[in-house]
Amino acid sequence: MEATQIFVIQSPHVYLTVQFDASTGLTREQMVKVTGGINLTPEAVAKAEKGYAAQTENPKTGKN
């Protein structure tokens, strides 16, 4: 299966990967337009950032 992936950065640690199957028939320009219309709410970005921080935190010190 051929596919195109486009990355959308929402914050330094939060990004989306949007994958389009070749069978969609969309041009790269159309894929970029569709992907450009995707937005995460500030709450979703904050929740993802919190999850990232929890994954990178040192359990002994509680710091990154």
PDB file of N, CA and C in Angstrom:
ATOM      1  N   MET A   1       0.837  -1.173   0.000  1.00  0.00           N
ATOM      2  CA  MET A   1       0.000   0.000   0.000  1.00  0.00           C
ATOM      3  C   MET A   1       0.886   1.241   0.000  1.00  0.00           C
ATOM      4  N   GLU A   2       0.641   2.124  -0.913  1.00  0.00           N
ATOM      5  CA  GLU A   2       1.360   3.391  -0.940  1.00  0.00           C
ATOM      6  C   GLU A   2       0.567   4.426  -0.165  1.00  0.00           C
ATOM      7  N   ALA A   3       1.291   5.235   0.588  1.00  0.00           N
ATOM      8  CA  ALA A   3       0.628   6.265   1.376  1.00  0.00           C
ATOM      9  C   ALA A   3       1.547   7.461   1.512  1.00  0.00           C
ATOM     10  N   THR A   4       0.942   8.591   1.796  1.00  0.00           N
ATOM     11  CA  THR A   4       1.676   9.821   2.053  1.00  0.00           C
ATOM     12  C   THR A   4       1.382  10.237   3.487  1.00  0.00           C
ATOM     13  N   GLN A   5       2.415  10.586   4.228  1.00  0.00           N
ATOM     14  CA  GLN A   5       2.238  11.056   5.598  1.00  0.00           C
ATOM     15  C   GLN A   5       2.591  12.537   5.675  1.00  0.00           C
ATOM     16  N   ILE A   6       1.768  13.278   6.391  1.00  0.00           N
ATOM     17  CA  ILE A   6       2.019  14.698   6.611  1.00  0.00           C
ATOM     18  C   ILE A   6       2.009  14.930   8.119  1.00  0.00           C
ATOM     19  N   PHE A   7       3.024  15.629   8.601  1.00  0.00           N
ATOM     20  CA  PHE A   7       3.148  15.924  10.025  1.00  0.00           C
ATOM     21  C   PHE A   7       2.671  17.342  10.295  1.00  0.00           C
ATOM     22  N   VAL A   8       1.881  17.499  11.343  1.00  0.00           N
ATOM     23  CA  VAL A   8       1.382  18.800  11.753  1.00  0.00           C
ATOM     24  C   VAL A   8       1.854  19.031  13.186  1.00  0.00           C
ATOM     25  N   ILE A   9       2.685  20.040  13.389  1.00  0.00           N
ATOM     26  CA  ILE A   9       3.208  20.334  14.719  1.00  0.00           C
ATOM     27  C   ILE A   9       2.226  21.244  15.444  1.00  0.00           C
ATOM     28  N   GLN A  10       1.808  20.822  16.639  1.00  0.00           N
ATOM     29  CA  GLN A  10       0.883  21.597  17.456  1.00  0.00           C
ATOM     30  C   GLN A  10       1.607  22.343  18.573  1.00  0.00           C
ATOM     31  N   SER A  11       2.696  21.782  19.041  1.00  0.00           N
ATOM     32  CA  SER A  11       3.520  22.378  20.087  1.00  0.00           C
ATOM     33  C   SER A  11       4.873  21.671  20.021  1.00  0.00           C
ATOM     34  N   PRO A  12       5.828  22.070  20.844  1.00  0.00           N
ATOM     35  CA  PRO A  12       7.140  21.416  20.760  1.00  0.00           C
ATOM     36  C   PRO A  12       7.109  19.896  20.960  1.00  0.00           C
ATOM     37  N   HIS A  13       6.119  19.384  21.700  1.00  0.00           N
ATOM     38  CA  HIS A  13       6.082  17.951  21.975  1.00  0.00           C
ATOM     39  C   HIS A  13       4.833  17.259  21.455  1.00  0.00           C
ATOM     40  N   VAL A  14       3.963  17.990  20.787  1.00  0.00           N
ATOM     41  CA  VAL A  14       2.699  17.425  20.313  1.00  0.00           C
ATOM     42  C   VAL A  14       2.597  17.630  18.808  1.00  0.00           C
ATOM     43  N   TYR A  15       2.373  16.537  18.105  1.00  0.00           N
ATOM     44  CA  TYR A  15       2.196  16.629  16.659  1.00  0.00           C
ATOM     45  C   TYR A  15       1.207  15.577  16.201  1.00  0.00           C
ATOM     46  N   LEU A  16       0.674  15.791  15.033  1.00  0.00           N
ATOM     47  CA  LEU A  16      -0.233  14.839  14.410  1.00  0.00           C
ATOM     48  C   LEU A  16       0.464  14.248  13.202  1.00  0.00           C
ATOM     49  N   THR A  17       0.189  12.996  12.937  1.00  0.00           N
ATOM     50  CA  THR A  17       0.616  12.371  11.695  1.00  0.00           C
ATOM     51  C   THR A  17      -0.653  12.007  10.950  1.00  0.00           C
ATOM     52  N   VAL A  18      -0.830  12.585   9.780  1.00  0.00           N
ATOM     53  CA  VAL A  18      -2.005  12.302   8.967  1.00  0.00           C
ATOM     54  C   VAL A  18      -1.532  11.489   7.765  1.00  0.00           C
ATOM     55  N   GLN A  19      -2.138  10.326   7.597  1.00  0.00           N
ATOM     56  CA  GLN A  19      -1.725   9.440   6.505  1.00  0.00           C
ATOM     57  C   GLN A  19      -2.848   9.336   5.483  1.00  0.00           C
ATOM     58  N   PHE A  20      -2.485   9.525   4.220  1.00  0.00           N
ATOM     59  CA  PHE A  20      -3.429   9.432   3.114  1.00  0.00           C
ATOM     60  C   PHE A  20      -3.049   8.237   2.257  1.00  0.00           C
ATOM     61  N   ASP A  21      -3.972   7.336   2.076  1.00  0.00           N
ATOM     62  CA  ASP A  21      -3.763   6.202   1.180  1.00  0.00           C
ATOM     63  C   ASP A  21      -3.763   6.719  -0.256  1.00  0.00           C
ATOM     64  N   ALA A  22      -2.930   6.135  -1.079  1.00  0.00           N
ATOM     65  CA  ALA A  22      -2.821   6.567  -2.475  1.00  0.00           C
ATOM     66  C   ALA A  22      -4.153   6.452  -3.213  1.00  0.00           C
ATOM     67  N   SER A  23      -5.007   5.537  -2.769  1.00  0.00           N
ATOM     68  CA  SER A  23      -6.279   5.326  -3.467  1.00  0.00           C
ATOM     69  C   SER A  23      -7.260   6.486  -3.287  1.00  0.00           C
ATOM     70  N   THR A  24      -6.936   7.456  -2.403  1.00  0.00           N
ATOM     71  CA  THR A  24      -7.841   8.602  -2.243  1.00  0.00           C
ATOM     72  C   THR A  24      -7.878   9.454  -3.501  1.00  0.00           C
ATOM     73  N   GLY A  25      -6.807   9.420  -4.270  1.00  0.00           N
ATOM     74  CA  GLY A  25      -6.757  10.211  -5.491  1.00  0.00           C
ATOM     75  C   GLY A  25      -6.456  11.683  -5.257  1.00  0.00           C
ATOM     76  N   LEU A  26      -6.163  12.053  -4.001  1.00  0.00           N
ATOM     77  CA  LEU A  26      -5.862  13.448  -3.700  1.00  0.00           C
ATOM     78  C   LEU A  26      -4.447  13.803  -4.152  1.00  0.00           C
ATOM     79  N   THR A  27      -4.292  15.033  -4.619  1.00  0.00           N
ATOM     80  CA  THR A  27      -2.953  15.521  -4.931  1.00  0.00           C
ATOM     81  C   THR A  27      -2.273  15.922  -3.617  1.00  0.00           C
ATOM     82  N   ARG A  28      -0.976  16.100  -3.660  1.00  0.00           N
ATOM     83  CA  ARG A  28      -0.249  16.516  -2.451  1.00  0.00           C
ATOM     84  C   ARG A  28      -0.788  17.864  -1.953  1.00  0.00           C
ATOM     85  N   GLU A  29      -1.071  18.758  -2.864  1.00  0.00           N
ATOM     86  CA  GLU A  29      -1.624  20.070  -2.495  1.00  0.00           C
ATOM     87  C   GLU A  29      -2.961  19.912  -1.770  1.00  0.00           C
ATOM     88  N   GLN A  30      -3.822  19.029  -2.243  1.00  0.00           N
ATOM     89  CA  GLN A  30      -5.108  18.791  -1.596  1.00  0.00           C
ATOM     90  C   GLN A  30      -4.912  18.187  -0.203  1.00  0.00           C
ATOM     91  N   MET A  31      -3.934  17.277  -0.074  1.00  0.00           N
ATOM     92  CA  MET A  31      -3.648  16.669   1.226  1.00  0.00           C
ATOM     93  C   MET A  31      -3.200  17.728   2.226  1.00  0.00           C
ATOM     94  N   VAL A  32      -2.356  18.640   1.766  1.00  0.00           N
ATOM     95  CA  VAL A  32      -1.875  19.714   2.643  1.00  0.00           C
ATOM     96  C   VAL A  32      -3.045  20.598   3.073  1.00  0.00           C
ATOM     97  N   LYS A  33      -3.965  20.899   2.164  1.00  0.00           N
ATOM     98  CA  LYS A  33      -5.133  21.716   2.511  1.00  0.00           C
ATOM     99  C   LYS A  33      -5.996  21.013   3.549  1.00  0.00           C
ATOM    100  N   VAL A  34      -6.245  19.730   3.366  1.00  0.00           N
ATOM    101  CA  VAL A  34      -7.047  18.972   4.336  1.00  0.00           C
ATOM    102  C   VAL A  34      -6.350  18.959   5.685  1.00  0.00           C
ATOM    103  N   THR A  35      -5.062  18.657   5.683  1.00  0.00           N
ATOM    104  CA  THR A  35      -4.298  18.575   6.921  1.00  0.00           C
ATOM    105  C   THR A  35      -4.220  19.934   7.612  1.00  0.00           C
ATOM    106  N   GLY A  36      -4.122  20.999   6.846  1.00  0.00           N
ATOM    107  CA  GLY A  36      -4.056  22.336   7.415  1.00  0.00           C
ATOM    108  C   GLY A  36      -5.318  22.736   8.156  1.00  0.00           C
ATOM    109  N   GLY A  37      -6.425  22.065   7.868  1.00  0.00           N
ATOM    110  CA  GLY A  37      -7.683  22.364   8.538  1.00  0.00           C
ATOM    111  C   GLY A  37      -7.880  21.608   9.843  1.00  0.00           C
ATOM    112  N   ILE A  38      -6.918  20.759  10.198  1.00  0.00           N
ATOM    113  CA  ILE A  38      -7.026  19.984  11.433  1.00  0.00           C
ATOM    114  C   ILE A  38      -6.394  20.782  12.571  1.00  0.00           C
ATOM    115  N   ASN A  39      -7.143  20.954  13.623  1.00  0.00           N
ATOM    116  CA  ASN A  39      -6.635  21.669  14.800  1.00  0.00           C
ATOM    117  C   ASN A  39      -7.030  20.919  16.061  1.00  0.00           C
ATOM    118  N   LEU A  40      -6.120  20.890  17.001  1.00  0.00           N
ATOM    119  CA  LEU A  40      -6.426  20.347  18.317  1.00  0.00           C
ATOM    120  C   LEU A  40      -6.864  21.490  19.217  1.00  0.00           C
ATOM    121  N   THR A  41      -7.776  21.194  20.115  1.00  0.00           N
ATOM    122  CA  THR A  41      -8.184  22.216  21.075  1.00  0.00           C
ATOM    123  C   THR A  41      -7.023  22.483  22.028  1.00  0.00           C
ATOM    124  N   PRO A  42      -6.967  23.666  22.613  1.00  0.00           N
ATOM    125  CA  PRO A  42      -5.913  23.947  23.602  1.00  0.00           C
ATOM    126  C   PRO A  42      -5.906  22.926  24.742  1.00  0.00           C
ATOM    127  N   GLU A  43      -7.090  22.446  25.115  1.00  0.00           N
ATOM    128  CA  GLU A  43      -7.175  21.444  26.182  1.00  0.00           C
ATOM    129  C   GLU A  43      -6.512  20.135  25.767  1.00  0.00           C
ATOM    130  N   ALA A  44      -6.708  19.735  24.521  1.00  0.00           N
ATOM    131  CA  ALA A  44      -6.097  18.494  24.033  1.00  0.00           C
ATOM    132  C   ALA A  44      -4.574  18.617  23.981  1.00  0.00           C
ATOM    133  N   VAL A  45      -4.082  19.765  23.545  1.00  0.00           N
ATOM    134  CA  VAL A  45      -2.636  19.984  23.495  1.00  0.00           C
ATOM    135  C   VAL A  45      -2.066  19.963  24.913  1.00  0.00           C
ATOM    136  N   ALA A  46      -2.752  20.623  25.860  1.00  0.00           N
ATOM    137  CA  ALA A  46      -2.282  20.653  27.246  1.00  0.00           C
ATOM    138  C   ALA A  46      -2.248  19.248  27.839  1.00  0.00           C
ATOM    139  N   LYS A  47      -3.266  18.449  27.543  1.00  0.00           N
ATOM    140  CA  LYS A  47      -3.309  17.069  28.048  1.00  0.00           C
ATOM    141  C   LYS A  47      -2.167  16.244  27.457  1.00  0.00           C
ATOM    142  N   ALA A  48      -1.899  16.421  26.181  1.00  0.00           N
ATOM    143  CA  ALA A  48      -0.800  15.695  25.546  1.00  0.00           C
ATOM    144  C   ALA A  48       0.545  16.144  26.110  1.00  0.00           C
ATOM    145  N   GLU A  49       0.699  17.446  26.351  1.00  0.00           N
ATOM    146  CA  GLU A  49       1.938  17.958  26.949  1.00  0.00           C
ATOM    147  C   GLU A  49       2.141  17.364  28.343  1.00  0.00           C
ATOM    148  N   LYS A  50       1.051  17.270  29.101  1.00  0.00           N
ATOM    149  CA  LYS A  50       1.129  16.695  30.443  1.00  0.00           C
ATOM    150  C   LYS A  50       1.564  15.230  30.359  1.00  0.00           C
ATOM    151  N   GLY A  51       1.030  14.501  29.394  1.00  0.00           N
ATOM    152  CA  GLY A  51       1.420  13.102  29.194  1.00  0.00           C
ATOM    153  C   GLY A  51       2.878  12.985  28.798  1.00  0.00           C
ATOM    154  N   TYR A  52       3.347  13.890  27.958  1.00  0.00           N
ATOM    155  CA  TYR A  52       4.762  13.890  27.564  1.00  0.00           C
ATOM    156  C   TYR A  52       5.640  14.128  28.781  1.00  0.00           C
ATOM    157  N   ALA A  53       5.262  15.109  29.605  1.00  0.00           N
ATOM    158  CA  ALA A  53       6.054  15.432  30.793  1.00  0.00           C
ATOM    159  C   ALA A  53       6.116  14.240  31.741  1.00  0.00           C
ATOM    160  N   ALA A  54       5.004  13.528  31.880  1.00  0.00           N
ATOM    161  CA  ALA A  54       4.975  12.360  32.764  1.00  0.00           C
ATOM    162  C   ALA A  54       5.892  11.256  32.248  1.00  0.00           C
ATOM    163  N   GLN A  55       6.002  11.126  30.946  1.00  0.00           N
ATOM    164  CA  GLN A  55       6.859  10.092  30.357  1.00  0.00           C
ATOM    165  C   GLN A  55       8.334  10.425  30.501  1.00  0.00           C
ATOM    166  N   THR A  56       8.656  11.704  30.548  1.00  0.00           N
ATOM    167  CA  THR A  56      10.069  12.110  30.587  1.00  0.00           C
ATOM    168  C   THR A  56      10.542  12.440  31.998  1.00  0.00           C
ATOM    169  N   GLU A  57       9.634  12.386  32.960  1.00  0.00           N
ATOM    170  CA  GLU A  57       9.995  12.736  34.321  1.00  0.00           C
ATOM    171  C   GLU A  57      10.830  11.638  34.979  1.00  0.00           C
ATOM    172  N   ASN A  58      11.816  12.049  35.709  1.00  0.00           N
ATOM    173  CA  ASN A  58      12.654  11.110  36.444  1.00  0.00           C
ATOM    174  C   ASN A  58      11.902  10.702  37.712  1.00  0.00           C
ATOM    175  N   PRO A  59      11.567   9.411  37.868  1.00  0.00           N
ATOM    176  CA  PRO A  59      10.778   9.002  39.033  1.00  0.00           C
ATOM    177  C   PRO A  59      11.475   9.247  40.364  1.00  0.00           C
ATOM    178  N   LYS A  60      12.816   9.285  40.378  1.00  0.00           N
ATOM    179  CA  LYS A  60      13.539   9.499  41.630  1.00  0.00           C
ATOM    180  C   LYS A  60      13.517  10.969  42.066  1.00  0.00           C
ATOM    181  N   THR A  61      13.617  11.876  41.079  1.00  0.00           N
ATOM    182  CA  THR A  61      13.705  13.298  41.419  1.00  0.00           C
ATOM    183  C   THR A  61      12.400  14.050  41.167  1.00  0.00           C
ATOM    184  N   GLY A  62      11.545  13.485  40.317  1.00  0.00           N
ATOM    185  CA  GLY A  62      10.322  14.185  39.942  1.00  0.00           C
ATOM    186  C   GLY A  62      10.556  15.298  38.959  1.00  0.00           C
ATOM    187  N   LYS A  63      11.772  15.345  38.378  1.00  0.00           N
ATOM    188  CA  LYS A  63      12.127  16.385  37.412  1.00  0.00           C
ATOM    189  C   LYS A  63      12.495  15.757  36.079  1.00  0.00           C
ATOM    190  N   ASN A  64      12.431  16.568  35.044  1.00  0.00           N
ATOM    191  CA  ASN A  64      12.817  16.117  33.701  1.00  0.00           C
ATOM    192  C   ASN A  64      14.310  16.048  33.570  1.00  0.00           C
TER     193      ASN A  64
END
